Amino acid sequence: MIRPNLAWKITQFLIGFLLFHPLSALDTTDPGKAFLGTWQSQFQGKVFLTIKLEDEGGKLTGSISHMQIGLDNQGELTSAEPQEGEDAFSEAKLTGNTLHLTSKSATGQDITQYEMEITGADLAELRFVNARTSSTAPKPWKLQKLGIASRPLSMKDKLANAAQIWMAGQTGTSPSTSGASATPTSSAPASATTANPMPALKVSDSPLDADLRKAVDALPRRVNDRDNNLGDMVNFVIIGSDDQLKSSLDSAEWQVADTDSKEAALKAILQTYQKKDYLAMPMSQLYLFGRIQDFGYEQAEPYAVVASRHHFRIWKAPFTWNGQAVWVGAGTHDIGFEKDQRNGSVTHKIDPAVDGERENIGASLQKADKIKSMTYYLPRQPIQTAKNATGGEYHSDGRILVMVLK
């Protein structure tokens, strides 16, 4: 949640910028060129699918790798492993912005049809038209073109990504960052749709120290606003000094949120016109231990920060463990805007699957090699279904991720 007036001022400016430069955001000269290259999809940080597309004399050709997958009743992946071999596409036909693909097995008995659509700069979605793997068709898989990490995003890439993220959040189609997704959808430099997906968490099976368990059990389960409306759940704990915390989050490419709203609005406008990325949108003030957050951190796509960002608030606990500072955090993923049930104004809409943001925070620190140990802990009276201070519903398995920094 952010201050509504500030959010809308910056939102109106940035959306106006998008609308003023529609042709610079999307290259429509030859839609087929956007599909050329090698695309991959990941499950739990591992590549399980590779699609290759190339132009042979003006005709699209290519192949799709073999794989072995497991699905639940809703079509979500439960397992995915690459297999040896690949099937050539017997047909690749472009209709509008959708590429229709047909693959045929070596025996010719198994025919599978797909639809591939570009969703952003070097990002695409693969849908199954007739799935041979199960009576339940897999839900769409996210694809990423290889080579994107080696080059900086252009202005049009950033605008295209922002437009895609904005529309996904507003229409309720923004994918969750939960482990069931084919690829995580974090939207920050370190964990964004424009970067390599985060690896699976390396969590210890060892139980927490008894004193630490007691301390975590005693923590408030939720934060509150200034009117004492209960809100986001406490979903992670970090143990380490002030310097360790700041350097670790900096290494994981988390951005400290601005705290002065007027300066933030001016900075956003100035940096946009200077073709710089503004990624430090202020956060509203929430309370834990009777005081506002010590820090707010966020990750977001350029220009889409007003509508979509990964963020958390963090407080230093009034106790230590083994002589080390204990930091208590509440993280959520903003995916759009919705009505504030308290006063009817506009506020951020969060991804109701809040465990995804807990995982994203842990994965970003793990990827930066800043974690000494990481443990899940189910406290007494866990929060599993609730509403935030603005009335948005969320759900969780109730666990708190406890991380000790190196």
Protein backbone atom coordinates (compact mmCIF):
# COMPACT_ATOMS: atom_id res chain seq x y z
CA MET A 1 0.00 0.00 0.00
CA ILE A 2 1.22 3.52 -0.78
CA ARG A 3 -0.11 7.01 -0.27
CA PRO A 4 -3.04 7.26 -2.74
CA ASN A 5 -2.45 10.89 -3.80
CA LEU A 6 1.23 10.28 -4.53
CA ALA A 7 0.50 6.99 -6.26
CA TRP A 8 -2.00 8.55 -8.62
CA LYS A 9 0.13 11.59 -9.40
CA ILE A 10 3.06 9.44 -10.41
CA THR A 11 0.78 6.86 -12.05
CA GLN A 12 -0.93 9.49 -14.20
CA PHE A 13 2.42 10.89 -15.26
CA LEU A 14 3.94 7.53 -16.16
CA ILE A 15 0.84 6.19 -17.91
CA GLY A 16 0.67 9.44 -19.86
CA PHE A 17 4.27 8.81 -20.85
CA LEU A 18 3.35 5.32 -22.02
CA LEU A 19 0.39 6.54 -24.04
CA PHE A 20 2.39 9.40 -25.53
CA HIS A 21 4.98 6.95 -26.90
CA PRO A 22 2.92 3.88 -27.92
CA LEU A 23 5.02 3.09 -30.97
CA SER A 24 8.28 3.31 -29.04
CA ALA A 25 7.07 0.70 -26.58
CA LEU A 26 6.24 -2.03 -29.04
CA ASP A 27 7.95 -2.93 -32.31
CA THR A 28 5.18 -3.88 -34.72
CA THR A 29 7.15 -3.81 -37.97
CA ASP A 30 7.57 -7.59 -38.12
CA PRO A 31 5.84 -9.52 -35.30
CA GLY A 32 7.45 -12.79 -36.38
CA LYS A 33 10.95 -11.56 -35.56
CA ALA A 34 10.10 -11.34 -31.88
CA PHE A 35 9.66 -15.13 -31.75
CA LEU A 36 13.06 -15.99 -33.22
CA GLY A 37 15.62 -17.47 -30.83
CA THR A 38 15.89 -20.01 -28.03
CA TRP A 39 13.23 -19.94 -25.32
CA GLN A 40 13.20 -21.78 -22.00
CA SER A 41 10.79 -22.44 -19.15
CA GLN A 42 11.78 -23.31 -15.62
CA PHE A 43 10.22 -25.14 -12.70
CA GLN A 44 11.65 -24.53 -9.24
CA GLY A 45 14.71 -22.88 -10.73
CA LYS A 46 15.55 -25.65 -13.24
CA VAL A 47 15.06 -25.59 -17.00
CA PHE A 48 12.71 -28.34 -18.17
CA LEU A 49 11.62 -27.05 -21.58
CA THR A 50 13.51 -25.53 -24.52
CA ILE A 51 11.93 -24.16 -27.69
CA LYS A 52 14.07 -23.14 -30.67
CA LEU A 53 12.66 -20.97 -33.45
CA GLU A 54 14.49 -19.74 -36.55
CA ASP A 55 13.83 -18.22 -39.96
CA GLU A 56 14.60 -20.46 -42.93
CA GLY A 57 14.02 -18.57 -46.15
CA GLY A 58 11.20 -16.51 -44.68
CA LYS A 59 9.55 -19.49 -43.01
CA LEU A 60 9.44 -20.10 -39.24
CA THR A 61 10.80 -23.49 -38.21
CA GLY A 62 12.01 -24.98 -34.97
CA SER A 63 11.69 -27.64 -32.30
CA ILE A 64 10.51 -28.33 -28.78
CA SER A 65 12.49 -30.46 -26.32
CA HIS A 66 11.20 -33.61 -24.66
CA MET A 67 10.11 -33.38 -21.04
CA GLN A 68 8.38 -35.30 -18.30
CA ILE A 69 5.87 -33.39 -16.20
CA GLY A 70 3.36 -33.93 -13.41
CA LEU A 71 0.15 -31.92 -13.04
CA ASP A 72 -2.45 -31.43 -10.36
CA ASN A 73 -6.19 -31.32 -11.05
CA GLN A 74 -6.01 -27.60 -11.89
CA GLY A 75 -3.23 -28.03 -14.44
CA GLU A 76 -0.48 -26.61 -12.23
CA LEU A 77 2.94 -28.22 -12.47
CA THR A 78 3.88 -30.53 -9.60
CA SER A 79 7.05 -31.81 -11.25
CA ALA A 80 8.99 -31.12 -14.43
CA GLU A 81 12.17 -32.71 -15.76
CA PRO A 82 13.93 -32.38 -19.12
CA GLN A 83 14.30 -35.52 -21.25
CA GLU A 84 16.64 -36.43 -24.10
CA GLY A 85 15.51 -35.55 -27.61
CA GLU A 86 13.26 -33.05 -29.30
CA ASP A 87 10.35 -32.88 -31.74
CA ALA A 88 10.40 -30.63 -34.78
CA PHE A 89 7.50 -28.29 -35.39
CA SER A 90 5.58 -29.53 -38.40
CA GLU A 91 3.78 -26.21 -38.60
CA ALA A 92 4.52 -22.69 -37.31
CA LYS A 93 1.87 -20.19 -38.36
CA LEU A 94 1.62 -16.59 -37.18
CA THR A 95 -1.87 -15.12 -36.78
CA GLY A 96 -1.77 -11.56 -35.50
CA ASN A 97 0.49 -11.67 -32.46
CA THR A 98 -0.07 -15.38 -31.76
CA LEU A 99 2.22 -18.10 -33.09
CA HIS A 100 0.42 -21.40 -33.65
CA LEU A 101 2.79 -24.36 -33.33
CA THR A 102 2.28 -28.05 -34.05
CA SER A 103 4.78 -30.72 -33.02
CA LYS A 104 4.79 -34.35 -34.09
CA SER A 105 6.64 -37.21 -32.41
CA ALA A 106 9.17 -39.31 -34.35
CA THR A 107 6.55 -42.04 -34.84
CA GLY A 108 4.01 -39.49 -36.01
CA GLN A 109 1.43 -40.81 -33.56
CA ASP A 110 1.57 -38.00 -30.99
CA ILE A 111 0.58 -34.55 -32.25
CA THR A 112 0.51 -31.58 -29.91
CA GLN A 113 -0.62 -28.06 -30.70
CA TYR A 114 0.48 -24.93 -28.88
CA GLU A 115 -0.08 -21.19 -28.96
CA MET A 116 2.83 -18.89 -28.17
CA GLU A 117 2.35 -15.21 -27.46
CA ILE A 118 4.86 -12.46 -26.67
CA THR A 119 4.09 -10.90 -23.28
CA GLY A 120 7.04 -8.53 -22.86
CA ALA A 121 10.61 -7.88 -23.89
CA ASP A 122 12.07 -11.38 -24.44
CA LEU A 123 9.16 -12.90 -22.50
CA ALA A 124 6.41 -15.15 -23.82
CA GLU A 125 3.63 -17.50 -22.76
CA LEU A 126 3.04 -21.01 -24.07
CA ARG A 127 -0.50 -22.37 -24.05
CA PHE A 128 -1.59 -25.92 -24.86
CA VAL A 129 -4.36 -26.32 -27.41
CA ASN A 130 -4.50 -30.11 -27.16
CA ALA A 131 -2.31 -31.61 -24.43
CA ARG A 132 -1.07 -35.14 -24.93
CA THR A 133 0.30 -35.40 -21.38
CA SER A 134 -2.95 -35.44 -19.44
CA SER A 135 -6.72 -35.11 -19.69
CA THR A 136 -6.21 -31.85 -17.80
CA ALA A 137 -4.42 -29.31 -19.97
CA PRO A 138 -1.42 -27.65 -18.33
CA LYS A 139 -1.89 -24.03 -17.40
CA PRO A 140 0.16 -21.61 -19.53
CA TRP A 141 3.92 -21.69 -19.03
CA LYS A 142 6.16 -18.65 -18.93
CA LEU A 143 9.02 -18.56 -21.42
CA GLN A 144 12.16 -16.46 -21.43
CA LYS A 145 14.44 -15.92 -24.38
CA LEU A 146 18.08 -16.75 -23.77
CA GLY A 147 20.61 -13.94 -23.82
CA ILE A 148 18.48 -11.26 -22.16
CA ALA A 149 20.67 -11.11 -19.06
CA SER A 150 23.68 -10.14 -21.15
CA ARG A 151 22.21 -6.93 -22.53
CA PRO A 152 20.58 -3.92 -20.85
CA LEU A 153 16.90 -3.31 -21.45
CA SER A 154 16.07 -0.50 -23.84
CA MET A 155 13.47 2.17 -23.16
CA LYS A 156 10.94 0.35 -25.36
CA ASP A 157 11.63 -2.92 -23.48
CA LYS A 158 10.93 -1.24 -20.16
CA LEU A 159 7.77 0.42 -21.43
CA ALA A 160 6.51 -2.85 -22.91
CA ASN A 161 7.19 -4.71 -19.67
CA ALA A 162 5.49 -1.98 -17.63
CA ALA A 163 2.41 -2.04 -19.85
CA GLN A 164 2.20 -5.84 -19.58
CA ILE A 165 2.59 -5.83 -15.80
CA TRP A 166 0.09 -3.00 -15.41
CA MET A 167 -2.61 -4.73 -17.45
CA ALA A 168 -1.99 -8.12 -15.80
CA GLY A 169 -2.46 -6.62 -12.36
CA GLN A 170 -5.57 -4.65 -13.28
CA THR A 171 -7.27 -7.61 -14.98
CA GLY A 172 -6.42 -10.05 -12.22
CA THR A 173 -4.26 -12.24 -14.44
CA SER A 174 -0.96 -11.53 -12.70
CA PRO A 175 0.58 -14.94 -11.96
CA SER A 176 1.43 -15.90 -8.42
CA THR A 177 5.02 -16.27 -7.35
CA SER A 178 4.25 -19.49 -5.54
CA GLY A 179 6.33 -22.58 -6.12
CA ALA A 180 3.66 -24.06 -8.38
CA SER A 181 4.36 -21.57 -11.13
CA ALA A 182 6.53 -22.64 -14.02
CA THR A 183 8.69 -19.58 -13.49
CA PRO A 184 8.67 -17.08 -10.65
CA THR A 185 7.29 -13.68 -11.56
CA SER A 186 9.25 -11.34 -9.40
CA SER A 187 9.51 -7.99 -11.05
CA ALA A 188 12.76 -6.58 -9.74
CA PRO A 189 16.24 -6.46 -11.18
CA ALA A 190 17.41 -9.38 -9.05
CA SER A 191 14.33 -11.52 -9.40
CA ALA A 192 12.29 -10.06 -12.17
CA THR A 193 10.64 -11.43 -15.23
CA THR A 194 13.62 -9.88 -16.99
CA ALA A 195 16.20 -11.87 -15.03
CA ASN A 196 16.92 -15.50 -14.28
CA PRO A 197 14.25 -17.11 -12.08
CA MET A 198 15.13 -17.65 -8.44
CA PRO A 199 16.44 -21.05 -7.29
CA ALA A 200 14.51 -23.22 -4.88
CA LEU A 201 15.11 -22.38 -1.23
CA LYS A 202 17.73 -24.43 0.60
CA VAL A 203 15.95 -24.83 3.90
CA SER A 204 17.39 -26.65 6.91
CA ASP A 205 15.52 -29.57 8.44
CA SER A 206 17.03 -28.87 11.84
CA PRO A 207 14.60 -27.36 14.39
CA LEU A 208 15.12 -23.83 15.64
CA ASP A 209 16.97 -23.23 18.87
CA ALA A 210 14.52 -23.41 21.80
CA ASP A 211 15.13 -19.81 22.86
CA LEU A 212 14.62 -18.58 19.31
CA ARG A 213 11.40 -20.58 19.00
CA LYS A 214 10.13 -18.99 22.18
CA ALA A 215 11.01 -15.52 20.89
CA VAL A 216 9.30 -16.10 17.52
CA ASP A 217 6.21 -17.50 19.24
CA ALA A 218 5.99 -14.27 21.24
CA LEU A 219 6.08 -12.03 18.16
CA PRO A 220 2.91 -10.22 17.06
CA ARG A 221 1.37 -12.15 14.18
CA ARG A 222 0.32 -9.08 12.19
CA VAL A 223 1.22 -5.43 11.70
CA ASN A 224 -1.33 -2.62 12.02
CA ASP A 225 -2.04 0.86 10.68
CA ARG A 226 -2.20 4.04 12.77
CA ASP A 227 -5.86 3.34 13.59
CA ASN A 228 -4.94 -0.13 14.86
CA ASN A 229 -6.53 -1.94 11.93
CA LEU A 230 -4.70 -5.26 11.65
CA GLY A 231 -2.97 -5.81 8.33
CA ASP A 232 -0.16 -7.81 6.72
CA MET A 233 1.16 -10.88 8.47
CA VAL A 234 4.66 -11.21 9.89
CA ASN A 235 6.16 -13.79 7.53
CA PHE A 236 9.95 -13.64 7.93
CA VAL A 237 12.69 -13.01 10.47
CA ILE A 238 16.28 -12.03 9.71
CA ILE A 239 19.09 -12.33 12.26
CA GLY A 240 22.15 -10.16 11.82
CA SER A 241 23.67 -6.78 12.61
CA ASP A 242 22.53 -3.49 11.08
CA ASP A 243 25.48 -3.55 8.69
CA GLN A 244 24.87 -7.19 7.76
CA LEU A 245 21.22 -6.47 7.00
CA LYS A 246 21.88 -3.43 4.84
CA SER A 247 24.80 -4.92 2.92
CA SER A 248 22.94 -8.21 2.35
CA LEU A 249 19.83 -6.52 1.00
CA ASP A 250 21.96 -4.26 -1.15
CA SER A 251 23.74 -7.31 -2.58
CA ALA A 252 20.35 -8.91 -3.26
CA GLU A 253 19.41 -5.75 -5.19
CA TRP A 254 16.67 -4.55 -2.89
CA GLN A 255 16.04 -0.80 -3.08
CA VAL A 256 15.41 1.30 0.04
CA ALA A 257 12.05 3.04 -0.38
CA ASP A 258 11.91 6.82 -0.32
CA THR A 259 10.26 8.30 2.75
CA ASP A 260 9.54 11.89 1.63
CA SER A 261 6.51 11.90 -0.68
CA LYS A 262 7.08 15.32 -2.24
CA GLU A 263 10.72 14.61 -3.01
CA ALA A 264 9.76 11.19 -4.36
CA ALA A 265 7.27 12.65 -6.86
CA LEU A 266 9.83 15.14 -8.14
CA LYS A 267 12.50 12.45 -8.33
CA ALA A 268 10.22 10.11 -10.30
CA ILE A 269 9.44 12.80 -12.89
CA LEU A 270 13.04 13.97 -13.17
CA GLN A 271 14.52 10.49 -13.48
CA THR A 272 11.94 9.45 -16.07
CA TYR A 273 12.79 12.40 -18.31
CA GLN A 274 16.47 11.66 -17.78
CA LYS A 275 15.77 8.08 -18.95
CA LYS A 276 16.72 6.73 -15.53
CA ASP A 277 14.75 4.12 -13.60
CA TYR A 278 12.74 5.25 -10.58
CA LEU A 279 12.39 2.24 -8.27
CA ALA A 280 12.01 3.77 -4.79
CA MET A 281 8.29 4.49 -4.46
CA PRO A 282 7.44 5.44 -0.83
CA MET A 283 5.42 3.06 1.32
CA SER A 284 2.69 3.85 3.80
CA GLN A 285 3.61 3.71 7.46
CA LEU A 286 2.58 0.57 9.31
CA TYR A 287 3.26 -0.37 12.90
CA LEU A 288 4.86 -3.21 14.83
CA PHE A 289 6.20 -3.07 18.38
CA GLY A 290 4.28 0.21 18.68
CA ARG A 291 6.30 2.07 16.01
CA ILE A 292 6.52 2.52 12.25
CA GLN A 293 8.84 0.38 10.15
CA ASP A 294 12.57 0.99 10.46
CA PHE A 295 13.02 0.39 6.74
CA GLY A 296 10.98 -0.31 3.62
CA TYR A 297 12.60 -2.24 0.77
CA GLU A 298 11.30 -2.95 -2.71
CA GLN A 299 12.05 -4.44 -6.10
CA ALA A 300 10.14 -3.43 -9.21
CA GLU A 301 10.17 -3.09 -12.97
CA PRO A 302 10.96 0.38 -14.33
CA TYR A 303 7.74 2.42 -14.83
CA ALA A 304 5.56 -0.39 -13.44
CA VAL A 305 6.61 0.42 -9.87
CA VAL A 306 3.45 2.44 -9.28
CA ALA A 307 1.30 -0.65 -9.80
CA SER A 308 3.48 -3.70 -9.27
CA ARG A 309 6.39 -4.27 -6.91
CA HIS A 310 7.81 -6.76 -4.46
CA HIS A 311 8.22 -5.06 -1.12
CA PHE A 312 8.49 -5.49 2.61
CA ARG A 313 8.66 -3.50 5.81
CA ILE A 314 11.08 -4.49 8.54
CA TRP A 315 11.45 -3.66 12.22
CA LYS A 316 14.28 -4.31 14.67
CA ALA A 317 12.88 -6.46 17.47
CA PRO A 318 13.19 -5.25 21.09
CA PHE A 319 15.31 -8.33 21.89
CA THR A 320 18.38 -10.11 20.55
CA TRP A 321 19.31 -13.74 20.00
CA ASN A 322 22.80 -14.96 20.81
CA GLY A 323 23.86 -11.33 20.98
CA GLN A 324 22.63 -10.62 17.44
CA ALA A 325 19.95 -8.21 16.30
CA VAL A 326 16.63 -9.74 15.26
CA TRP A 327 14.71 -8.15 12.39
CA VAL A 328 11.01 -8.88 11.89
CA GLY A 329 9.42 -8.36 8.48
CA ALA A 330 6.14 -8.40 6.60
CA GLY A 331 6.41 -8.85 2.83
CA THR A 332 3.76 -8.67 0.10
CA HIS A 333 3.65 -8.40 -3.70
CA ASP A 334 1.67 -5.48 -5.13
CA ILE A 335 -0.02 -6.47 -8.40
CA GLY A 336 -2.38 -3.57 -9.17
CA PHE A 337 -4.88 -1.20 -7.62
CA GLU A 338 -8.15 -1.72 -5.79
CA LYS A 339 -10.58 0.15 -3.53
CA ASP A 340 -9.50 0.84 0.05
CA GLN A 341 -12.29 -0.58 2.19
CA ARG A 342 -11.55 1.88 5.00
CA ASN A 343 -12.26 5.10 3.12
CA GLY A 344 -13.11 4.30 -0.51
CA SER A 345 -9.86 5.70 -1.90
CA VAL A 346 -7.41 3.86 -4.15
CA THR A 347 -4.73 1.59 -2.75
CA HIS A 348 -2.50 -1.23 -3.91
CA LYS A 349 -3.90 -4.68 -4.49
CA ILE A 350 -1.66 -7.46 -3.19
CA ASP A 351 -1.18 -10.97 -4.48
CA PRO A 352 -3.35 -12.95 -2.02
CA ALA A 353 -0.82 -15.83 -2.07
CA VAL A 354 1.52 -13.96 0.28
CA ASP A 355 3.83 -16.93 0.80
CA GLY A 356 5.23 -16.18 -2.64
CA GLU A 357 6.77 -12.94 -1.41
CA ARG A 358 8.23 -14.69 1.63
CA GLU A 359 9.93 -17.13 -0.76
CA ASN A 360 11.08 -14.31 -3.02
CA ILE A 361 12.81 -12.50 -0.15
CA GLY A 362 14.56 -15.66 0.99
CA ALA A 363 15.55 -16.65 -2.56
CA SER A 364 17.03 -13.22 -3.31
CA LEU A 365 19.27 -13.34 -0.24
CA GLN A 366 20.20 -16.94 -0.95
CA LYS A 367 21.11 -16.08 -4.54
CA ALA A 368 23.33 -13.25 -3.24
CA ASP A 369 25.08 -15.83 -1.00
CA LYS A 370 24.19 -13.98 2.19
CA ILE A 371 22.41 -16.76 4.08
CA LYS A 372 24.11 -18.84 6.75
CA SER A 373 20.99 -20.83 7.58
CA MET A 374 17.32 -20.76 6.63
CA THR A 375 14.50 -22.51 8.50
CA TYR A 376 10.72 -22.58 8.32
CA TYR A 377 8.90 -22.29 11.61
CA LEU A 378 5.18 -22.70 12.26
CA PRO A 379 4.42 -20.51 15.28
CA ARG A 380 1.59 -20.88 17.71
CA GLN A 381 -1.70 -19.51 16.41
CA PRO A 382 -0.42 -19.04 12.83
CA ILE A 383 -2.11 -16.68 10.39
CA GLN A 384 -3.52 -18.62 7.45
CA THR A 385 -6.41 -16.47 6.20
CA ALA A 386 -6.90 -12.77 6.93
CA LYS A 387 -7.34 -9.30 5.44
CA ASN A 388 -4.84 -6.49 5.29
CA ALA A 389 -5.58 -3.04 6.71
CA THR A 390 -7.20 -1.90 3.45
CA GLY A 391 -9.53 -4.91 3.24
CA GLY A 392 -7.64 -7.08 0.74
CA GLU A 393 -7.81 -10.80 1.53
CA TYR A 394 -4.73 -13.02 1.67
CA HIS A 395 -3.84 -16.59 2.58
CA SER A 396 -0.75 -18.41 3.83
CA ASP A 397 0.47 -21.71 5.20
CA GLY A 398 1.24 -19.71 8.36
CA ARG A 399 4.96 -20.42 8.45
CA ILE A 400 7.64 -17.83 9.21
CA LEU A 401 10.94 -18.01 7.32
CA VAL A 402 13.80 -17.53 9.78
CA MET A 403 17.10 -16.51 8.13
CA VAL A 404 20.51 -16.11 9.78
CA LEU A 405 22.87 -13.91 7.78
CA LYS A 406 26.52 -14.68 7.13
